[in-house]
N, C-alpha and C. Protein backbone atom coordinates (compact mmCIF):
# COMPACT_ATOMS: atom_id res chain seq x y z
N MET A 1 -20.07 -40.02 58.20
CA MET A 1 -21.35 -39.70 57.57
C MET A 1 -22.41 -40.45 58.08
N LYS A 2 -23.30 -39.78 58.38
CA LYS A 2 -24.54 -40.04 59.27
C LYS A 2 -25.23 -41.12 58.28
N ARG A 3 -25.54 -42.26 59.03
CA ARG A 3 -26.38 -43.35 58.37
C ARG A 3 -27.60 -42.78 57.76
N ALA A 4 -28.39 -42.05 58.57
CA ALA A 4 -29.67 -41.59 58.27
C ALA A 4 -29.51 -40.69 56.97
N LEU A 5 -28.52 -39.96 56.84
CA LEU A 5 -28.37 -39.22 55.65
C LEU A 5 -28.29 -39.95 54.31
N VAL A 6 -27.19 -41.02 54.61
CA VAL A 6 -26.94 -41.81 53.43
C VAL A 6 -28.21 -42.71 52.99
N ASN A 7 -28.98 -43.03 53.97
CA ASN A 7 -30.23 -43.75 53.68
C ASN A 7 -31.14 -42.72 53.03
N GLU A 8 -31.47 -41.60 53.46
CA GLU A 8 -32.14 -40.48 52.87
C GLU A 8 -31.89 -40.39 51.19
N VAL A 9 -30.60 -40.26 51.03
CA VAL A 9 -29.92 -40.04 49.69
C VAL A 9 -30.37 -41.03 48.76
N PHE A 10 -30.35 -42.24 49.34
CA PHE A 10 -30.55 -43.42 48.36
C PHE A 10 -32.11 -43.92 48.47
N THR A 11 -32.94 -43.38 49.22
CA THR A 11 -34.36 -43.80 49.08
C THR A 11 -35.30 -42.28 48.81
N ASN A 12 -34.52 -41.44 48.87
CA ASN A 12 -35.32 -40.00 48.42
C ASN A 12 -35.03 -39.39 47.34
N PRO A 13 -35.78 -39.31 46.16
CA PRO A 13 -35.28 -38.75 45.01
C PRO A 13 -34.98 -37.37 44.92
N VAL A 14 -35.64 -36.65 45.95
CA VAL A 14 -35.14 -35.30 46.18
C VAL A 14 -33.64 -35.16 46.60
N TYR A 15 -33.24 -36.00 47.57
CA TYR A 15 -31.88 -35.79 48.23
C TYR A 15 -30.88 -36.41 47.04
N LEU A 16 -31.52 -37.59 46.49
CA LEU A 16 -30.75 -38.23 45.35
C LEU A 16 -30.18 -37.23 44.28
N THR A 17 -31.02 -36.34 43.92
CA THR A 17 -30.88 -35.32 42.93
C THR A 17 -29.96 -34.31 43.49
N ALA A 18 -30.24 -33.77 44.52
CA ALA A 18 -29.55 -32.81 45.18
C ALA A 18 -28.10 -33.01 45.46
N CYS A 19 -28.09 -34.41 45.74
CA CYS A 19 -26.55 -34.77 46.32
C CYS A 19 -25.97 -35.58 45.12
N GLY A 20 -26.23 -35.35 43.93
CA GLY A 20 -25.74 -35.92 42.65
C GLY A 20 -25.48 -37.23 42.71
N PHE A 21 -26.81 -37.91 42.84
CA PHE A 21 -26.78 -39.27 42.69
C PHE A 21 -25.92 -39.98 43.79
N GLY A 22 -25.49 -39.29 44.88
CA GLY A 22 -24.47 -39.98 45.85
C GLY A 22 -23.17 -39.50 45.63
N ALA A 23 -23.09 -38.46 44.75
CA ALA A 23 -21.52 -37.83 44.68
C ALA A 23 -21.28 -36.92 45.90
N GLY A 24 -22.30 -36.30 46.43
CA GLY A 24 -22.21 -35.53 47.50
C GLY A 24 -21.72 -36.21 48.84
N LEU A 25 -21.90 -37.64 48.86
CA LEU A 25 -21.52 -38.17 50.19
C LEU A 25 -20.11 -38.44 50.34
N VAL A 26 -19.31 -38.35 49.27
CA VAL A 26 -17.88 -38.77 49.26
C VAL A 26 -17.34 -37.87 50.34
N PRO A 27 -16.20 -38.09 51.26
CA PRO A 27 -15.86 -37.49 52.28
C PRO A 27 -14.92 -36.23 51.99
N LYS A 28 -14.05 -36.29 50.83
CA LYS A 28 -13.25 -35.37 50.31
C LYS A 28 -13.57 -34.91 49.19
N ALA A 29 -13.73 -33.49 48.68
CA ALA A 29 -14.08 -32.96 47.77
C ALA A 29 -15.22 -33.41 46.94
N PRO A 30 -16.37 -33.29 47.57
CA PRO A 30 -17.64 -33.79 47.06
C PRO A 30 -18.09 -32.79 45.74
N GLY A 31 -17.69 -31.56 45.72
CA GLY A 31 -18.02 -30.61 44.55
C GLY A 31 -17.05 -31.17 43.31
N THR A 32 -15.95 -31.58 43.57
CA THR A 32 -15.19 -32.04 42.39
C THR A 32 -15.77 -33.32 41.89
N VAL A 33 -16.02 -34.26 42.62
CA VAL A 33 -16.94 -35.42 42.39
C VAL A 33 -18.35 -35.22 41.66
N GLY A 34 -19.03 -34.34 42.35
CA GLY A 34 -20.07 -33.78 41.56
C GLY A 34 -20.03 -33.46 40.07
N THR A 35 -18.83 -32.54 39.67
CA THR A 35 -18.55 -31.95 38.44
C THR A 35 -18.26 -33.09 37.79
N LEU A 36 -17.55 -34.38 38.18
CA LEU A 36 -17.34 -35.49 37.22
C LEU A 36 -18.64 -36.08 36.98
N VAL A 37 -19.63 -36.28 37.74
CA VAL A 37 -20.84 -36.72 37.53
C VAL A 37 -21.39 -35.98 36.34
N ALA A 38 -21.15 -34.68 36.22
CA ALA A 38 -21.86 -33.88 35.25
C ALA A 38 -21.43 -34.25 33.92
N ILE A 39 -20.26 -34.70 33.58
CA ILE A 39 -19.63 -35.05 32.22
C ILE A 39 -20.39 -35.94 31.33
N PRO A 40 -21.09 -36.97 31.95
CA PRO A 40 -21.82 -37.91 30.90
C PRO A 40 -23.24 -37.15 30.62
N ILE A 41 -23.67 -36.31 31.85
CA ILE A 41 -24.66 -35.55 31.52
C ILE A 41 -24.47 -34.61 30.26
N VAL A 42 -23.20 -33.69 30.48
CA VAL A 42 -23.02 -32.74 29.58
C VAL A 42 -23.06 -33.34 27.88
N VAL A 43 -22.49 -34.70 28.05
CA VAL A 43 -22.32 -35.31 26.69
C VAL A 43 -23.77 -35.75 26.12
N ALA A 44 -24.55 -36.12 26.90
CA ALA A 44 -25.73 -36.61 26.74
C ALA A 44 -26.66 -35.21 26.07
N ILE A 45 -26.45 -34.16 26.90
CA ILE A 45 -27.19 -32.95 26.52
C ILE A 45 -26.72 -32.49 25.21
N SER A 46 -25.32 -32.79 24.95
CA SER A 46 -24.70 -32.15 23.71
C SER A 46 -25.53 -32.63 22.43
N TRP A 47 -25.97 -33.81 22.55
CA TRP A 47 -26.40 -34.46 21.36
C TRP A 47 -27.97 -34.08 20.92
N LEU A 48 -28.42 -33.08 21.82
CA LEU A 48 -29.87 -32.57 21.70
C LEU A 48 -29.68 -31.42 20.82
N ALA A 49 -30.79 -30.90 20.13
CA ALA A 49 -30.84 -29.63 19.43
C ALA A 49 -30.50 -28.47 20.33
N THR A 50 -29.98 -27.44 19.95
CA THR A 50 -29.64 -26.44 20.81
C THR A 50 -30.86 -25.71 21.68
N SER A 51 -31.94 -25.70 20.74
CA SER A 51 -33.23 -25.06 21.55
C SER A 51 -33.63 -26.11 22.69
N VAL A 52 -33.34 -27.46 22.50
CA VAL A 52 -33.86 -28.54 23.61
C VAL A 52 -32.68 -28.36 24.56
N GLN A 53 -31.64 -28.13 24.27
CA GLN A 53 -30.53 -28.11 25.18
C GLN A 53 -30.79 -26.90 26.36
N TRP A 54 -31.38 -25.92 25.90
CA TRP A 54 -31.76 -24.64 26.61
C TRP A 54 -33.03 -25.00 27.57
N VAL A 55 -33.92 -25.61 27.08
CA VAL A 55 -35.00 -26.06 27.67
C VAL A 55 -34.58 -27.07 28.82
N VAL A 56 -33.72 -28.09 28.58
CA VAL A 56 -33.15 -29.09 29.58
C VAL A 56 -32.48 -28.35 30.67
N LEU A 57 -31.92 -27.41 30.24
CA LEU A 57 -30.96 -26.47 31.18
C LEU A 57 -31.91 -25.66 32.12
N ALA A 58 -33.09 -25.13 31.57
CA ALA A 58 -33.75 -24.29 32.35
C ALA A 58 -34.60 -25.43 33.25
N ALA A 59 -34.92 -26.32 32.85
CA ALA A 59 -35.63 -27.48 33.81
C ALA A 59 -34.87 -27.89 34.76
N MET A 60 -33.53 -28.21 34.45
CA MET A 60 -32.41 -28.42 35.62
C MET A 60 -32.27 -27.34 36.49
N PHE A 61 -32.29 -26.10 36.18
CA PHE A 61 -31.99 -24.90 37.20
C PHE A 61 -33.25 -24.92 37.90
N VAL A 62 -34.56 -24.98 37.57
CA VAL A 62 -35.60 -24.80 38.25
C VAL A 62 -35.79 -26.01 39.48
N LEU A 63 -35.32 -27.15 38.79
CA LEU A 63 -35.34 -28.48 39.79
C LEU A 63 -34.36 -28.21 40.97
N GLY A 64 -33.10 -27.74 40.26
CA GLY A 64 -32.09 -27.68 41.23
C GLY A 64 -32.38 -26.34 42.38
N CYS A 65 -32.93 -25.56 42.19
CA CYS A 65 -33.22 -24.50 43.16
C CYS A 65 -34.22 -25.17 44.07
N TRP A 66 -35.30 -26.05 43.68
CA TRP A 66 -36.12 -26.60 44.49
C TRP A 66 -35.51 -27.71 45.40
N VAL A 67 -34.74 -28.65 44.68
CA VAL A 67 -34.25 -29.60 45.71
C VAL A 67 -33.07 -29.16 46.65
N CYS A 68 -32.24 -28.15 46.20
CA CYS A 68 -31.48 -27.79 47.03
C CYS A 68 -31.99 -27.06 48.10
N GLN A 69 -33.13 -26.18 48.14
CA GLN A 69 -33.68 -25.76 49.12
C GLN A 69 -34.14 -26.76 50.04
N VAL A 70 -35.05 -27.69 49.38
CA VAL A 70 -35.65 -28.75 50.59
C VAL A 70 -34.67 -29.46 51.05
N VAL A 71 -33.37 -29.71 50.57
CA VAL A 71 -32.52 -30.54 51.33
C VAL A 71 -31.70 -29.72 52.41
N ALA A 72 -31.37 -28.29 51.86
CA ALA A 72 -30.63 -27.36 52.58
C ALA A 72 -31.53 -27.00 54.05
N ASP A 73 -32.80 -27.04 53.59
CA ASP A 73 -33.78 -26.78 55.09
C ASP A 73 -33.85 -27.99 55.66
N SER A 74 -34.01 -29.35 55.19
CA SER A 74 -34.15 -30.27 55.98
C SER A 74 -32.81 -30.61 56.85
N LEU A 75 -31.63 -30.11 56.51
CA LEU A 75 -30.45 -30.58 57.11
C LEU A 75 -30.33 -29.24 57.90
N GLY A 76 -30.73 -28.07 57.94
CA GLY A 76 -30.70 -26.88 58.71
C GLY A 76 -29.14 -26.32 58.43
N ASP A 77 -29.00 -26.23 57.24
CA ASP A 77 -27.66 -25.59 56.85
C ASP A 77 -27.90 -24.83 55.42
N ASN A 78 -27.27 -23.58 55.35
CA ASN A 78 -27.61 -22.89 54.30
C ASN A 78 -26.97 -23.35 52.88
N ASP A 79 -25.90 -24.03 53.08
CA ASP A 79 -25.27 -24.67 51.91
C ASP A 79 -24.43 -25.95 52.34
N PRO A 80 -25.03 -26.88 52.63
CA PRO A 80 -24.51 -28.04 52.89
C PRO A 80 -23.70 -28.79 51.90
N GLY A 81 -22.36 -29.43 52.25
CA GLY A 81 -21.42 -29.72 51.26
C GLY A 81 -21.88 -31.02 50.73
N VAL A 82 -23.09 -31.79 51.02
CA VAL A 82 -23.50 -33.03 50.33
C VAL A 82 -24.15 -32.44 49.12
N ILE A 83 -24.70 -31.37 49.13
CA ILE A 83 -25.55 -30.66 47.78
C ILE A 83 -24.33 -30.56 46.73
N VAL A 84 -24.52 -31.20 45.58
CA VAL A 84 -23.57 -30.91 44.39
C VAL A 84 -24.30 -30.70 43.23
N TRP A 85 -25.74 -30.67 43.42
CA TRP A 85 -26.47 -30.33 41.76
C TRP A 85 -25.96 -29.15 41.54
N ASP A 86 -25.70 -28.31 42.38
CA ASP A 86 -25.23 -26.79 41.69
C ASP A 86 -23.96 -26.94 41.00
N GLU A 87 -23.03 -28.13 41.35
CA GLU A 87 -21.82 -28.15 40.30
C GLU A 87 -22.13 -28.86 39.13
N ILE A 88 -22.91 -29.64 39.38
CA ILE A 88 -23.61 -30.65 38.11
C ILE A 88 -23.95 -29.63 37.10
N PHE A 89 -25.05 -28.76 37.39
CA PHE A 89 -25.74 -27.88 36.71
C PHE A 89 -24.51 -26.59 36.25
N GLY A 90 -23.70 -26.22 37.09
CA GLY A 90 -22.84 -25.42 36.66
C GLY A 90 -21.78 -25.64 35.64
N PHE A 91 -21.44 -26.86 35.56
CA PHE A 91 -20.61 -27.53 34.69
C PHE A 91 -21.31 -27.69 33.29
N CYS A 92 -22.69 -27.78 33.35
CA CYS A 92 -23.58 -28.05 32.20
C CYS A 92 -23.61 -26.65 31.50
N ILE A 93 -23.61 -25.41 32.24
CA ILE A 93 -23.48 -24.31 31.72
C ILE A 93 -22.24 -23.91 31.07
N ALA A 94 -21.09 -24.36 31.83
CA ALA A 94 -19.87 -24.08 31.34
C ALA A 94 -19.63 -24.82 29.85
N MET A 95 -20.26 -25.91 29.80
CA MET A 95 -19.98 -26.56 28.64
C MET A 95 -21.08 -26.46 27.43
N ILE A 96 -22.20 -25.58 27.64
CA ILE A 96 -23.08 -25.40 26.79
C ILE A 96 -22.67 -24.83 25.44
N LEU A 97 -22.86 -25.06 24.17
CA LEU A 97 -22.29 -24.50 23.03
C LEU A 97 -20.93 -24.83 22.76
N ILE A 98 -20.29 -25.53 23.63
CA ILE A 98 -18.77 -25.76 23.49
C ILE A 98 -18.71 -26.95 22.47
N PRO A 99 -17.83 -27.13 21.47
CA PRO A 99 -17.70 -28.49 20.91
C PRO A 99 -16.82 -29.30 21.85
N LEU A 100 -17.29 -30.54 21.97
CA LEU A 100 -16.82 -31.32 23.09
C LEU A 100 -15.57 -32.14 22.58
N SER A 101 -14.73 -32.00 23.25
CA SER A 101 -13.29 -33.09 23.02
C SER A 101 -12.88 -33.25 24.18
N LEU A 102 -12.00 -33.96 24.45
CA LEU A 102 -11.20 -34.43 25.61
C LEU A 102 -10.57 -33.22 26.06
N ALA A 103 -9.98 -32.29 25.23
CA ALA A 103 -9.27 -31.14 25.48
C ALA A 103 -10.32 -30.03 26.21
N THR A 104 -11.40 -29.91 25.46
CA THR A 104 -12.54 -28.71 26.14
C THR A 104 -12.91 -29.28 27.28
N ILE A 105 -13.25 -30.53 27.54
CA ILE A 105 -13.96 -31.20 28.73
C ILE A 105 -12.94 -31.09 30.14
N VAL A 106 -11.74 -31.32 29.67
CA VAL A 106 -10.62 -31.18 30.66
C VAL A 106 -10.36 -29.90 31.29
N LEU A 107 -10.25 -28.93 30.09
CA LEU A 107 -9.96 -27.59 30.41
C LEU A 107 -11.23 -27.06 31.13
N GLY A 108 -12.45 -27.29 30.53
CA GLY A 108 -13.59 -26.62 31.30
C GLY A 108 -13.68 -27.26 32.77
N PHE A 109 -13.40 -28.40 32.96
CA PHE A 109 -13.30 -28.85 34.21
C PHE A 109 -12.51 -28.34 35.16
N VAL A 110 -11.24 -28.12 34.80
CA VAL A 110 -10.19 -27.14 35.56
C VAL A 110 -10.62 -25.82 35.71
N ILE A 111 -11.03 -25.14 34.66
CA ILE A 111 -11.53 -23.72 34.89
C ILE A 111 -12.56 -23.51 35.76
N PHE A 112 -13.58 -24.42 35.66
CA PHE A 112 -14.82 -24.38 36.33
C PHE A 112 -14.49 -24.68 37.86
N ARG A 113 -14.09 -25.77 38.13
CA ARG A 113 -13.53 -26.22 39.49
C ARG A 113 -12.81 -25.16 40.04
N THR A 114 -11.88 -24.42 39.41
CA THR A 114 -11.03 -23.26 39.81
C THR A 114 -11.86 -22.05 40.49
N LEU A 115 -12.79 -21.74 39.35
CA LEU A 115 -13.62 -20.67 39.69
C LEU A 115 -14.45 -20.91 40.81
N ASP A 116 -14.95 -22.19 41.03
CA ASP A 116 -15.96 -22.56 41.87
C ASP A 116 -15.36 -22.67 43.43
N ILE A 117 -13.98 -23.09 43.39
CA ILE A 117 -13.17 -23.01 44.58
C ILE A 117 -12.83 -21.79 45.04
N LEU A 118 -12.13 -21.11 44.36
CA LEU A 118 -11.52 -19.78 44.58
C LEU A 118 -12.75 -18.63 44.66
N LYS A 119 -13.95 -18.82 43.93
CA LYS A 119 -14.94 -17.66 44.07
C LYS A 119 -14.29 -16.21 43.71
N PRO A 120 -13.85 -16.01 42.47
CA PRO A 120 -13.34 -14.55 42.25
C PRO A 120 -14.72 -13.83 42.11
N TRP A 121 -14.46 -12.38 42.18
CA TRP A 121 -15.61 -11.47 41.84
C TRP A 121 -16.03 -11.61 40.17
N PRO A 122 -17.10 -11.95 40.18
CA PRO A 122 -18.47 -11.52 40.45
C PRO A 122 -19.20 -12.95 41.48
N ILE A 123 -18.31 -13.97 41.29
CA ILE A 123 -18.80 -15.23 41.91
C ILE A 123 -19.10 -15.11 43.36
N SER A 124 -18.03 -14.59 44.04
CA SER A 124 -18.18 -14.26 45.51
C SER A 124 -19.43 -13.25 45.86
N TRP A 125 -19.49 -12.29 45.13
CA TRP A 125 -20.56 -11.34 45.46
C TRP A 125 -21.82 -11.85 45.29
N VAL A 126 -22.11 -12.68 44.17
CA VAL A 126 -23.43 -13.33 44.18
C VAL A 126 -23.69 -14.43 45.08
N GLU A 127 -22.66 -15.11 45.63
CA GLU A 127 -22.66 -15.99 46.58
C GLU A 127 -23.38 -15.43 47.98
N ARG A 128 -22.96 -14.18 48.16
CA ARG A 128 -23.06 -13.44 49.25
C ARG A 128 -24.50 -12.92 49.30
N LYS A 129 -24.86 -12.45 47.99
CA LYS A 129 -26.01 -11.53 47.85
C LYS A 129 -27.31 -12.43 47.85
N PHE A 130 -27.14 -13.83 47.49
CA PHE A 130 -28.61 -14.62 47.47
C PHE A 130 -28.40 -15.78 48.44
N SER A 131 -29.45 -16.31 48.79
CA SER A 131 -29.40 -17.34 49.66
C SER A 131 -30.69 -18.50 49.34
N GLY A 132 -30.88 -19.62 50.00
CA GLY A 132 -31.72 -20.56 49.76
C GLY A 132 -31.32 -21.23 48.42
N GLY A 133 -32.38 -22.10 47.95
CA GLY A 133 -31.99 -22.90 46.77
C GLY A 133 -31.38 -22.07 45.61
N PHE A 134 -31.95 -21.09 45.34
CA PHE A 134 -31.35 -20.15 44.21
C PHE A 134 -30.11 -19.70 44.51
N GLY A 135 -29.84 -19.35 45.74
CA GLY A 135 -28.42 -18.93 46.29
C GLY A 135 -27.36 -19.89 46.09
N ILE A 136 -27.79 -21.06 46.55
CA ILE A 136 -27.00 -22.50 46.17
C ILE A 136 -26.48 -22.54 44.83
N MET A 137 -27.61 -22.24 43.91
CA MET A 137 -27.44 -22.44 42.52
C MET A 137 -26.81 -21.22 41.72
N ILE A 138 -27.01 -20.20 42.00
CA ILE A 138 -26.72 -19.01 41.26
C ILE A 138 -25.03 -18.97 41.04
N ASP A 139 -24.37 -19.08 42.12
CA ASP A 139 -22.90 -18.76 42.10
C ASP A 139 -22.18 -19.86 41.39
N ASP A 140 -22.87 -21.09 41.14
CA ASP A 140 -22.11 -21.85 40.20
C ASP A 140 -22.72 -21.67 38.73
N VAL A 141 -23.92 -21.07 38.73
CA VAL A 141 -24.17 -20.56 37.41
C VAL A 141 -23.43 -19.36 36.71
N ILE A 142 -23.02 -18.41 37.53
CA ILE A 142 -21.92 -17.47 37.36
C ILE A 142 -20.54 -18.06 36.89
N ALA A 143 -20.18 -19.13 37.76
CA ALA A 143 -18.80 -19.91 37.57
C ALA A 143 -18.97 -20.57 36.17
N GLY A 144 -19.90 -21.13 35.96
CA GLY A 144 -20.18 -21.86 34.52
C GLY A 144 -20.20 -20.84 33.42
N LEU A 145 -20.91 -19.55 33.56
CA LEU A 145 -20.80 -18.71 32.67
C LEU A 145 -19.47 -17.96 32.29
N VAL A 146 -18.62 -17.90 33.42
CA VAL A 146 -17.39 -17.33 33.21
C VAL A 146 -16.59 -18.37 32.43
N CYS A 147 -16.54 -19.59 32.96
CA CYS A 147 -15.77 -20.71 32.31
C CYS A 147 -16.17 -20.72 30.98
N ASN A 148 -17.48 -20.72 30.49
CA ASN A 148 -17.83 -20.73 29.08
C ASN A 148 -17.44 -19.73 28.30
N VAL A 149 -17.30 -18.32 28.80
CA VAL A 149 -16.62 -17.31 28.03
C VAL A 149 -15.23 -17.66 27.79
N CYS A 150 -14.43 -18.30 28.86
CA CYS A 150 -13.19 -18.14 28.68
C CYS A 150 -12.66 -19.45 27.53
N LEU A 151 -13.63 -20.61 27.81
CA LEU A 151 -13.55 -21.65 26.79
C LEU A 151 -13.88 -21.27 25.30
N GLN A 152 -14.79 -20.16 25.13
CA GLN A 152 -15.31 -19.57 23.90
C GLN A 152 -13.93 -18.73 23.42
N VAL A 153 -13.44 -17.97 24.30
CA VAL A 153 -12.34 -17.50 23.74
C VAL A 153 -10.99 -18.31 23.40
N PHE A 154 -10.83 -19.28 24.10
CA PHE A 154 -9.74 -20.30 23.58
C PHE A 154 -10.09 -20.71 22.20
N ILE A 155 -11.19 -21.09 22.03
CA ILE A 155 -11.73 -21.62 20.68
C ILE A 155 -11.61 -20.70 19.72
N ARG A 156 -12.02 -19.42 19.86
CA ARG A 156 -11.90 -18.34 18.79
C ARG A 156 -10.67 -18.14 18.40
N ILE A 157 -9.60 -18.02 19.39
CA ILE A 157 -8.29 -17.80 19.27
C ILE A 157 -7.34 -18.98 18.73
N ASN A 158 -8.22 -20.21 18.47
CA ASN A 158 -7.68 -21.35 17.96
C ASN A 158 -6.70 -22.13 19.05
N TYR A 159 -6.90 -21.76 20.20
CA TYR A 159 -6.09 -22.49 21.19
C TYR A 159 -6.61 -23.99 21.36
N LEU A 160 -7.76 -24.08 21.26
CA LEU A 160 -8.54 -25.51 21.31
C LEU A 160 -8.82 -25.90 19.80
């Protein structure tokens, strides 16, 4: 890891956010670590009124598109592995309106990471279709939505 990048992450709030507060700097599986960083954020958001949760998520999305674009442009890479804000946001989408428990968080984590890694259709199509900060974010949004639907089904059939 380049020392300049580490320094940038811990001195520049745009890099700090895009890189998941440093989670993106881990050498192995930064997206998985970024998703772990999302868990306390998900728990904190869950305490808010539903309307406020949606406002927070909208703000997180707009912020994410911007910081991901800035960092990707700065690094000269369309989707650098150090950017994990998309995983953080995607997991927040995966867990919105889900009653939180150890079971839902673990299952949500496993489903979300599986979708994000394997990128089945329509996630793979969306990833190819869009670029820039929006493109970095949107495939994880779709993975989060698919995960959320899976969790909602499990809850409805009383599996969780």
